[in-house]
Amino acid sequence: MNIPVVDLPKPKRSVRTPHINVRMAEASDAKQLAVFLGEFFHLSGWAKHLKYHQEKTERYLENAVGTQFAMYVIALDTLDNNKLVGVCSYHVFEVFSEPMGVMDETYTIPKYQRTDLGRRLVDMVITLARRDGCKVINFPICSGMPEQNSLMNMIGRHFGGEPVGMIFTVVL
């Protein structure tokens, strides 16, 4: 499947991580992405109640990315053998009359937290949501990771996001 090229808007500030290539994931990235998401999962609050299944995640990613059911924006460090250092997933929720974007997993390795990399990932997701006709994009941040507080602040500061409602988790 051909994944459309997305022109990113010109950064409003200088890019502090020019050696990191931010692009759409392809089905061939599924294995590397599943390993990375496993690392993110084990740091999250979800690991208290759920088990991570590497193979199942890899199969899901191959299908979801290959069909664009869910899109993953990935960050690859060109100075470190194209190591995956960040991810932001996105899908379109079309239950209501107009499409709504939803940004799911968002994570950068600690080395790149509090740099411009998170903003670059979110910027591309917002570009995708606009391309897909979304008028609203939701950013549920519920991993239970304290590091996600800086993500919430960044979304408010750089993108004008406002907190709406709350997310509750019920352990079954």
N, C-alpha and C. Protein backbone atom coordinates (compact mmCIF):
# COMPACT_ATOMS: atom_id res chain seq x y z
N MET A 1 0.84 -1.17 0.00
CA MET A 1 0.00 0.00 0.00
C MET A 1 0.89 1.24 0.00
N ASN A 2 0.57 2.20 -0.82
CA ASN A 2 1.32 3.45 -0.86
C ASN A 2 0.82 4.38 0.24
N ILE A 3 1.73 4.81 1.06
CA ILE A 3 1.38 5.75 2.12
C ILE A 3 1.64 7.14 1.58
N PRO A 4 0.63 8.01 1.65
CA PRO A 4 0.80 9.34 1.08
C PRO A 4 1.88 10.14 1.80
N VAL A 5 2.61 10.90 1.02
CA VAL A 5 3.62 11.78 1.59
C VAL A 5 2.90 12.97 2.21
N VAL A 6 3.31 13.32 3.40
CA VAL A 6 2.70 14.45 4.11
C VAL A 6 3.74 15.54 4.23
N ASP A 7 3.44 16.71 3.69
CA ASP A 7 4.34 17.84 3.84
C ASP A 7 4.11 18.45 5.21
N LEU A 8 5.16 18.45 6.01
CA LEU A 8 5.05 19.05 7.34
C LEU A 8 5.14 20.56 7.22
N PRO A 9 4.39 21.25 8.07
CA PRO A 9 4.53 22.71 8.07
C PRO A 9 5.93 23.09 8.51
N LYS A 10 6.39 24.22 8.06
CA LYS A 10 7.71 24.70 8.46
C LYS A 10 7.71 24.93 9.97
N PRO A 11 8.74 24.44 10.66
CA PRO A 11 8.79 24.64 12.11
C PRO A 11 8.75 26.12 12.45
N LYS A 12 8.04 26.44 13.52
CA LYS A 12 7.95 27.82 13.97
C LYS A 12 9.23 28.23 14.69
N ARG A 13 10.00 27.25 15.10
CA ARG A 13 11.26 27.49 15.79
C ARG A 13 12.33 26.66 15.11
N SER A 14 13.54 26.87 15.55
CA SER A 14 14.62 26.05 15.00
C SER A 14 14.44 24.62 15.50
N VAL A 15 14.86 23.69 14.70
CA VAL A 15 14.76 22.27 15.05
C VAL A 15 16.01 21.87 15.80
N ARG A 16 15.84 21.40 17.02
CA ARG A 16 16.97 20.99 17.85
C ARG A 16 17.38 19.54 17.60
N THR A 17 16.55 18.82 16.87
CA THR A 17 16.85 17.41 16.59
C THR A 17 16.84 17.15 15.08
N PRO A 18 17.67 17.89 14.31
CA PRO A 18 17.62 17.73 12.85
C PRO A 18 18.11 16.35 12.38
N HIS A 19 18.84 15.66 13.23
CA HIS A 19 19.34 14.32 12.89
C HIS A 19 18.27 13.24 13.06
N ILE A 20 17.10 13.62 13.50
CA ILE A 20 16.03 12.65 13.69
C ILE A 20 15.02 12.81 12.56
N ASN A 21 14.82 11.72 11.85
CA ASN A 21 13.89 11.68 10.73
C ASN A 21 12.51 11.30 11.26
N VAL A 22 11.53 12.18 11.06
CA VAL A 22 10.15 11.92 11.48
C VAL A 22 9.36 11.58 10.23
N ARG A 23 8.75 10.39 10.24
CA ARG A 23 8.00 9.95 9.05
C ARG A 23 6.89 8.99 9.45
N MET A 24 6.03 8.71 8.47
CA MET A 24 4.96 7.73 8.67
C MET A 24 5.58 6.33 8.72
N ALA A 25 5.09 5.51 9.63
CA ALA A 25 5.53 4.12 9.69
C ALA A 25 4.94 3.35 8.52
N GLU A 26 5.64 2.33 8.11
CA GLU A 26 5.18 1.42 7.08
C GLU A 26 5.03 0.04 7.71
N ALA A 27 4.32 -0.84 7.04
CA ALA A 27 4.10 -2.19 7.58
C ALA A 27 5.43 -2.88 7.90
N SER A 28 6.47 -2.58 7.13
CA SER A 28 7.78 -3.19 7.36
C SER A 28 8.43 -2.71 8.66
N ASP A 29 7.91 -1.65 9.26
CA ASP A 29 8.42 -1.14 10.54
C ASP A 29 7.78 -1.83 11.73
N ALA A 30 6.83 -2.75 11.49
CA ALA A 30 6.02 -3.32 12.57
C ALA A 30 6.86 -3.99 13.66
N LYS A 31 7.85 -4.75 13.29
CA LYS A 31 8.64 -5.47 14.30
C LYS A 31 9.38 -4.49 15.21
N GLN A 32 10.08 -3.54 14.61
CA GLN A 32 10.82 -2.54 15.39
C GLN A 32 9.86 -1.71 16.24
N LEU A 33 8.73 -1.37 15.68
CA LEU A 33 7.74 -0.56 16.39
C LEU A 33 7.13 -1.35 17.57
N ALA A 34 6.89 -2.64 17.37
CA ALA A 34 6.34 -3.47 18.45
C ALA A 34 7.31 -3.57 19.62
N VAL A 35 8.59 -3.68 19.34
CA VAL A 35 9.60 -3.71 20.41
C VAL A 35 9.58 -2.38 21.16
N PHE A 36 9.55 -1.28 20.43
CA PHE A 36 9.55 0.06 21.04
C PHE A 36 8.29 0.26 21.89
N LEU A 37 7.12 -0.13 21.35
CA LEU A 37 5.88 0.01 22.12
C LEU A 37 5.90 -0.87 23.36
N GLY A 38 6.59 -2.00 23.29
CA GLY A 38 6.74 -2.85 24.47
C GLY A 38 7.51 -2.14 25.57
N GLU A 39 8.57 -1.42 25.19
CA GLU A 39 9.35 -0.66 26.17
C GLU A 39 8.47 0.43 26.80
N PHE A 40 7.70 1.12 25.97
CA PHE A 40 6.77 2.15 26.45
C PHE A 40 5.74 1.52 27.40
N PHE A 41 5.16 0.39 26.99
CA PHE A 41 4.13 -0.29 27.78
C PHE A 41 4.64 -0.63 29.17
N HIS A 42 5.85 -1.18 29.26
CA HIS A 42 6.38 -1.62 30.54
C HIS A 42 6.67 -0.46 31.49
N LEU A 43 6.80 0.74 30.97
CA LEU A 43 6.99 1.93 31.80
C LEU A 43 5.66 2.54 32.22
N SER A 44 4.59 2.13 31.56
CA SER A 44 3.28 2.75 31.78
C SER A 44 2.52 2.09 32.94
N GLY A 45 1.47 2.76 33.35
CA GLY A 45 0.60 2.22 34.39
C GLY A 45 -0.18 1.01 33.92
N TRP A 46 -0.32 0.84 32.61
CA TRP A 46 -1.07 -0.31 32.09
C TRP A 46 -0.40 -1.63 32.46
N ALA A 47 0.91 -1.61 32.63
CA ALA A 47 1.64 -2.85 32.92
C ALA A 47 1.25 -3.45 34.27
N LYS A 48 0.60 -2.67 35.12
CA LYS A 48 0.14 -3.20 36.41
C LYS A 48 -0.99 -4.19 36.22
N HIS A 49 -1.77 -4.02 35.17
CA HIS A 49 -3.00 -4.81 34.99
C HIS A 49 -3.04 -5.64 33.71
N LEU A 50 -2.13 -5.37 32.79
CA LEU A 50 -2.16 -6.04 31.49
C LEU A 50 -0.81 -6.67 31.19
N LYS A 51 -0.81 -7.67 30.34
CA LYS A 51 0.43 -8.28 29.86
C LYS A 51 0.66 -7.82 28.44
N TYR A 52 1.90 -7.61 28.11
CA TYR A 52 2.27 -7.19 26.75
C TYR A 52 2.56 -8.43 25.92
N HIS A 53 2.00 -8.48 24.72
CA HIS A 53 2.21 -9.61 23.81
C HIS A 53 2.89 -9.09 22.55
N GLN A 54 4.19 -9.33 22.46
CA GLN A 54 5.01 -8.84 21.35
C GLN A 54 4.47 -9.28 19.98
N GLU A 55 4.21 -10.57 19.82
CA GLU A 55 3.79 -11.09 18.51
C GLU A 55 2.41 -10.55 18.12
N LYS A 56 1.51 -10.49 19.07
CA LYS A 56 0.17 -9.96 18.80
C LYS A 56 0.26 -8.49 18.39
N THR A 57 1.09 -7.74 19.08
CA THR A 57 1.27 -6.33 18.75
C THR A 57 1.85 -6.18 17.35
N GLU A 58 2.81 -7.00 17.03
CA GLU A 58 3.43 -6.94 15.70
C GLU A 58 2.41 -7.24 14.61
N ARG A 59 1.57 -8.26 14.81
CA ARG A 59 0.53 -8.59 13.81
C ARG A 59 -0.47 -7.44 13.67
N TYR A 60 -0.87 -6.87 14.82
CA TYR A 60 -1.79 -5.73 14.78
C TYR A 60 -1.18 -4.58 13.97
N LEU A 61 0.07 -4.26 14.27
CA LEU A 61 0.73 -3.14 13.58
C LEU A 61 0.86 -3.37 12.09
N GLU A 62 1.23 -4.58 11.69
CA GLU A 62 1.33 -4.89 10.25
C GLU A 62 0.01 -4.59 9.55
N ASN A 63 -1.09 -5.01 10.16
CA ASN A 63 -2.41 -4.79 9.57
C ASN A 63 -2.83 -3.33 9.68
N ALA A 64 -2.74 -2.76 10.87
CA ALA A 64 -3.22 -1.39 11.10
C ALA A 64 -2.45 -0.37 10.27
N VAL A 65 -1.13 -0.51 10.23
CA VAL A 65 -0.31 0.44 9.46
C VAL A 65 -0.48 0.17 7.97
N GLY A 66 -0.51 -1.09 7.60
CA GLY A 66 -0.65 -1.44 6.18
C GLY A 66 -1.96 -0.97 5.56
N THR A 67 -3.04 -0.97 6.35
CA THR A 67 -4.35 -0.54 5.85
C THR A 67 -4.68 0.89 6.23
N GLN A 68 -3.82 1.53 7.01
CA GLN A 68 -4.03 2.87 7.55
C GLN A 68 -5.24 2.95 8.48
N PHE A 69 -5.61 1.82 9.07
CA PHE A 69 -6.63 1.84 10.13
C PHE A 69 -6.11 2.71 11.28
N ALA A 70 -4.85 2.55 11.59
CA ALA A 70 -4.16 3.41 12.55
C ALA A 70 -2.85 3.80 11.91
N MET A 71 -2.49 5.05 12.08
CA MET A 71 -1.25 5.54 11.51
C MET A 71 -0.27 5.81 12.64
N TYR A 72 0.95 5.48 12.41
CA TYR A 72 2.00 5.71 13.40
C TYR A 72 3.05 6.62 12.77
N VAL A 73 3.34 7.70 13.47
CA VAL A 73 4.42 8.59 13.09
C VAL A 73 5.60 8.17 13.94
N ILE A 74 6.72 7.90 13.29
CA ILE A 74 7.89 7.42 14.03
C ILE A 74 9.06 8.38 13.86
N ALA A 75 9.95 8.35 14.84
CA ALA A 75 11.15 9.18 14.83
C ALA A 75 12.36 8.26 14.86
N LEU A 76 13.22 8.40 13.85
CA LEU A 76 14.39 7.55 13.72
C LEU A 76 15.65 8.40 13.82
N ASP A 77 16.56 8.00 14.70
CA ASP A 77 17.80 8.73 14.92
C ASP A 77 18.83 8.33 13.88
N THR A 78 19.12 9.21 12.93
CA THR A 78 20.04 8.90 11.84
C THR A 78 21.49 8.81 12.32
N LEU A 79 21.78 9.35 13.50
CA LEU A 79 23.14 9.26 14.04
C LEU A 79 23.35 7.96 14.83
N ASP A 80 22.27 7.20 15.02
CA ASP A 80 22.34 5.97 15.80
C ASP A 80 21.70 4.82 15.01
N ASN A 81 22.15 4.64 13.78
CA ASN A 81 21.71 3.51 12.95
C ASN A 81 20.19 3.46 12.77
N ASN A 82 19.56 4.63 12.63
CA ASN A 82 18.11 4.74 12.46
C ASN A 82 17.32 4.06 13.58
N LYS A 83 17.84 4.18 14.78
CA LYS A 83 17.17 3.63 15.96
C LYS A 83 15.86 4.39 16.18
N LEU A 84 14.81 3.65 16.50
CA LEU A 84 13.50 4.24 16.79
C LEU A 84 13.59 4.92 18.16
N VAL A 85 13.30 6.24 18.19
CA VAL A 85 13.43 7.01 19.43
C VAL A 85 12.14 7.71 19.83
N GLY A 86 11.11 7.63 18.98
CA GLY A 86 9.85 8.27 19.32
C GLY A 86 8.72 7.76 18.45
N VAL A 87 7.50 7.86 18.98
CA VAL A 87 6.32 7.39 18.25
C VAL A 87 5.11 8.22 18.67
N CYS A 88 4.19 8.36 17.73
CA CYS A 88 2.91 8.99 18.01
C CYS A 88 1.90 8.31 17.09
N SER A 89 0.85 7.73 17.65
CA SER A 89 -0.13 7.05 16.81
C SER A 89 -1.37 7.91 16.67
N TYR A 90 -2.10 7.64 15.60
CA TYR A 90 -3.25 8.46 15.27
C TYR A 90 -4.27 7.61 14.51
N HIS A 91 -5.53 7.82 14.79
CA HIS A 91 -6.57 7.21 13.98
C HIS A 91 -7.76 8.16 13.90
N VAL A 92 -8.63 7.89 12.95
CA VAL A 92 -9.81 8.72 12.76
C VAL A 92 -11.00 7.99 13.36
N PHE A 93 -11.74 8.69 14.19
CA PHE A 93 -12.94 8.18 14.85
C PHE A 93 -14.12 8.80 14.12
N GLU A 94 -14.93 7.96 13.47
CA GLU A 94 -15.99 8.49 12.62
C GLU A 94 -17.38 8.06 13.06
N VAL A 95 -17.63 8.06 14.34
CA VAL A 95 -18.94 7.68 14.84
C VAL A 95 -19.92 8.85 14.72
N PHE A 96 -19.41 10.05 14.90
CA PHE A 96 -20.27 11.23 14.82
C PHE A 96 -20.38 11.70 13.38
N SER A 97 -21.03 12.83 13.16
CA SER A 97 -21.30 13.29 11.80
C SER A 97 -20.04 13.68 11.04
N GLU A 98 -18.99 14.10 11.74
CA GLU A 98 -17.76 14.48 11.07
C GLU A 98 -16.61 13.70 11.69
N PRO A 99 -15.55 13.49 10.93
CA PRO A 99 -14.42 12.73 11.49
C PRO A 99 -13.72 13.50 12.61
N MET A 100 -13.28 12.74 13.60
CA MET A 100 -12.54 13.30 14.72
C MET A 100 -11.23 12.52 14.82
N GLY A 101 -10.14 13.22 14.97
CA GLY A 101 -8.85 12.56 15.13
C GLY A 101 -8.63 12.17 16.58
N VAL A 102 -7.93 11.07 16.78
CA VAL A 102 -7.55 10.65 18.13
C VAL A 102 -6.08 10.27 18.09
N MET A 103 -5.29 10.92 18.93
CA MET A 103 -3.88 10.60 19.06
C MET A 103 -3.76 9.64 20.24
N ASP A 104 -3.18 8.49 19.99
CA ASP A 104 -3.08 7.49 21.06
C ASP A 104 -1.67 7.49 21.64
N GLU A 105 -0.94 6.42 21.46
CA GLU A 105 0.39 6.31 22.07
C GLU A 105 1.30 7.43 21.59
N THR A 106 1.93 8.09 22.53
CA THR A 106 2.94 9.10 22.21
C THR A 106 4.06 8.94 23.21
N TYR A 107 5.26 8.74 22.69
CA TYR A 107 6.38 8.50 23.59
C TYR A 107 7.69 8.80 22.87
N THR A 108 8.62 9.42 23.59
CA THR A 108 10.00 9.55 23.12
C THR A 108 10.89 9.00 24.22
N ILE A 109 12.03 8.47 23.82
CA ILE A 109 12.95 7.95 24.83
C ILE A 109 13.41 9.11 25.71
N PRO A 110 13.82 8.81 26.95
CA PRO A 110 14.19 9.89 27.88
C PRO A 110 15.21 10.88 27.33
N LYS A 111 16.14 10.42 26.53
CA LYS A 111 17.17 11.30 25.96
C LYS A 111 16.55 12.47 25.19
N TYR A 112 15.38 12.23 24.58
CA TYR A 112 14.77 13.26 23.73
C TYR A 112 13.51 13.88 24.34
N GLN A 113 13.19 13.52 25.57
CA GLN A 113 12.08 14.18 26.23
C GLN A 113 12.49 15.61 26.57
N ARG A 114 11.55 16.50 26.46
CA ARG A 114 11.78 17.94 26.69
C ARG A 114 12.67 18.56 25.61
N THR A 115 12.72 17.94 24.43
CA THR A 115 13.34 18.58 23.26
C THR A 115 12.17 18.93 22.34
N ASP A 116 12.48 19.22 21.12
CA ASP A 116 11.42 19.54 20.16
C ASP A 116 10.84 18.29 19.50
N LEU A 117 11.32 17.11 19.83
CA LEU A 117 10.88 15.90 19.13
C LEU A 117 9.41 15.60 19.36
N GLY A 118 8.93 15.68 20.57
CA GLY A 118 7.50 15.44 20.84
C GLY A 118 6.63 16.40 20.04
N ARG A 119 7.05 17.67 19.99
CA ARG A 119 6.30 18.66 19.22
C ARG A 119 6.29 18.31 17.73
N ARG A 120 7.41 17.82 17.24
CA ARG A 120 7.47 17.43 15.82
C ARG A 120 6.53 16.26 15.53
N LEU A 121 6.48 15.29 16.44
CA LEU A 121 5.58 14.15 16.26
C LEU A 121 4.12 14.60 16.27
N VAL A 122 3.75 15.40 17.27
CA VAL A 122 2.37 15.89 17.38
C VAL A 122 2.03 16.77 16.19
N ASP A 123 2.97 17.58 15.74
CA ASP A 123 2.75 18.45 14.59
C ASP A 123 2.35 17.64 13.36
N MET A 124 3.04 16.52 13.15
CA MET A 124 2.72 15.69 11.98
C MET A 124 1.34 15.05 12.14
N VAL A 125 0.99 14.63 13.35
CA VAL A 125 -0.33 14.04 13.58
C VAL A 125 -1.42 15.08 13.31
N ILE A 126 -1.21 16.30 13.76
CA ILE A 126 -2.20 17.36 13.48
C ILE A 126 -2.31 17.61 11.98
N THR A 127 -1.20 17.58 11.28
CA THR A 127 -1.22 17.72 9.82
C THR A 127 -2.04 16.60 9.19
N LEU A 128 -1.85 15.37 9.66
CA LEU A 128 -2.62 14.23 9.15
C LEU A 128 -4.11 14.41 9.44
N ALA A 129 -4.44 14.85 10.64
CA ALA A 129 -5.85 15.03 11.01
C ALA A 129 -6.51 16.08 10.12
N ARG A 130 -5.81 17.16 9.84
CA ARG A 130 -6.36 18.17 8.93
C ARG A 130 -6.54 17.60 7.54
N ARG A 131 -5.56 16.83 7.08
CA ARG A 131 -5.66 16.19 5.77
C ARG A 131 -6.89 15.30 5.69
N ASP A 132 -7.20 14.64 6.80
CA ASP A 132 -8.31 13.70 6.85
C ASP A 132 -9.65 14.36 7.14
N GLY A 133 -9.68 15.68 7.17
CA GLY A 133 -10.93 16.41 7.34
C GLY A 133 -11.42 16.53 8.77
N CYS A 134 -10.56 16.23 9.73
CA CYS A 134 -10.96 16.32 11.13
C CYS A 134 -11.05 17.79 11.55
N LYS A 135 -12.07 18.09 12.30
CA LYS A 135 -12.24 19.44 12.86
C LYS A 135 -11.75 19.49 14.30
N VAL A 136 -11.61 18.32 14.92
CA VAL A 136 -11.20 18.19 16.31
C VAL A 136 -10.24 17.02 16.38
N ILE A 137 -9.26 17.14 17.27
CA ILE A 137 -8.40 15.99 17.56
C ILE A 137 -8.31 15.88 19.08
N ASN A 138 -8.51 14.67 19.58
CA ASN A 138 -8.41 14.40 21.01
C ASN A 138 -7.06 13.77 21.31
N PHE A 139 -6.53 14.11 22.48
CA PHE A 139 -5.26 13.60 22.93
C PHE A 139 -5.44 12.93 24.28
N PRO A 140 -5.99 11.70 24.32
CA PRO A 140 -6.14 11.05 25.62
C PRO A 140 -4.76 10.65 26.16
N ILE A 141 -4.42 11.18 27.30
CA ILE A 141 -3.12 10.88 27.90
C ILE A 141 -3.41 10.14 29.19
N CYS A 142 -3.26 8.82 29.13
CA CYS A 142 -3.70 8.02 30.28
C CYS A 142 -2.75 6.88 30.61
N SER A 143 -1.48 7.00 30.24
CA SER A 143 -0.55 5.91 30.52
C SER A 143 -0.13 5.85 31.98
N GLY A 144 -0.41 6.92 32.72
CA GLY A 144 0.02 6.95 34.12
C GLY A 144 1.48 7.30 34.29
N MET A 145 2.14 7.71 33.23
CA MET A 145 3.56 8.05 33.30
C MET A 145 3.70 9.53 33.66
N PRO A 146 4.46 9.85 34.70
CA PRO A 146 4.66 11.26 35.06
C PRO A 146 5.24 12.08 33.90
N GLU A 147 6.04 11.43 33.04
CA GLU A 147 6.65 12.13 31.91
C GLU A 147 5.59 12.70 30.96
N GLN A 148 4.40 12.11 30.98
CA GLN A 148 3.34 12.57 30.08
C GLN A 148 2.84 13.96 30.47
N ASN A 149 3.12 14.41 31.70
CA ASN A 149 2.72 15.76 32.09
C ASN A 149 3.35 16.80 31.18
N SER A 150 4.62 16.59 30.80
CA SER A 150 5.26 17.56 29.90
C SER A 150 4.61 17.51 28.53
N LEU A 151 4.11 16.34 28.11
CA LEU A 151 3.39 16.24 26.84
C LEU A 151 2.10 17.04 26.90
N MET A 152 1.37 16.91 28.00
CA MET A 152 0.12 17.68 28.14
C MET A 152 0.41 19.17 28.11
N ASN A 153 1.45 19.60 28.81
CA ASN A 153 1.81 21.01 28.82
C ASN A 153 2.20 21.49 27.43
N MET A 154 2.96 20.67 26.71
CA MET A 154 3.39 21.04 25.36
C MET A 154 2.20 21.18 24.43
N ILE A 155 1.24 20.28 24.53
CA ILE A 155 0.05 20.35 23.65
C ILE A 155 -0.73 21.63 23.92
N GLY A 156 -0.83 22.01 25.17
CA GLY A 156 -1.51 23.27 25.50
C GLY A 156 -0.72 24.48 25.04
N ARG A 157 0.57 24.48 25.31
CA ARG A 157 1.41 25.63 25.01
C ARG A 157 1.62 25.85 23.52
N HIS A 158 1.92 24.79 22.77
CA HIS A 158 2.28 24.93 21.36
C HIS A 158 1.11 24.80 20.40
N PHE A 159 0.06 24.08 20.83
CA PHE A 159 -1.02 23.80 19.89
C PHE A 159 -2.38 24.33 20.36
N GLY A 160 -2.41 25.00 21.49
CA GLY A 160 -3.66 25.58 21.96
C GLY A 160 -4.65 24.56 22.51
N GLY A 161 -4.16 23.38 22.88
CA GLY A 161 -5.04 22.35 23.43
C GLY A 161 -5.56 22.75 24.79
N GLU A 162 -6.79 22.37 25.08
CA GLU A 162 -7.37 22.65 26.38
C GLU A 162 -7.88 21.36 26.98
N PRO A 163 -7.73 21.21 28.30
CA PRO A 163 -8.25 20.00 28.93
C PRO A 163 -9.78 19.98 28.88
N VAL A 164 -10.32 18.84 28.48
CA VAL A 164 -11.77 18.67 28.43
C VAL A 164 -12.08 17.31 29.05
N GLY A 165 -12.82 17.31 30.14
CA GLY A 165 -13.21 16.04 30.76
C GLY A 165 -12.06 15.34 31.44
N MET A 166 -12.29 14.09 31.74
CA MET A 166 -11.31 13.26 32.42
C MET A 166 -11.36 11.86 31.83
N ILE A 167 -10.33 11.12 32.06
CA ILE A 167 -10.31 9.72 31.63
C ILE A 167 -10.30 8.88 32.90
N PHE A 168 -11.23 7.94 32.98
CA PHE A 168 -11.27 7.00 34.09
C PHE A 168 -10.96 5.61 33.57
N THR A 169 -10.23 4.86 34.35
CA THR A 169 -9.94 3.48 34.02
C THR A 169 -10.59 2.59 35.06
N VAL A 170 -11.30 1.59 34.61
CA VAL A 170 -11.90 0.61 35.51
C VAL A 170 -11.17 -0.72 35.27
N VAL A 171 -10.56 -1.26 36.30
CA VAL A 171 -9.89 -2.53 36.18
C VAL A 171 -10.92 -3.63 36.32
N LEU A 172 -11.00 -4.49 35.32
CA LEU A 172 -12.02 -5.56 35.30
C LEU A 172 -11.46 -6.86 35.82
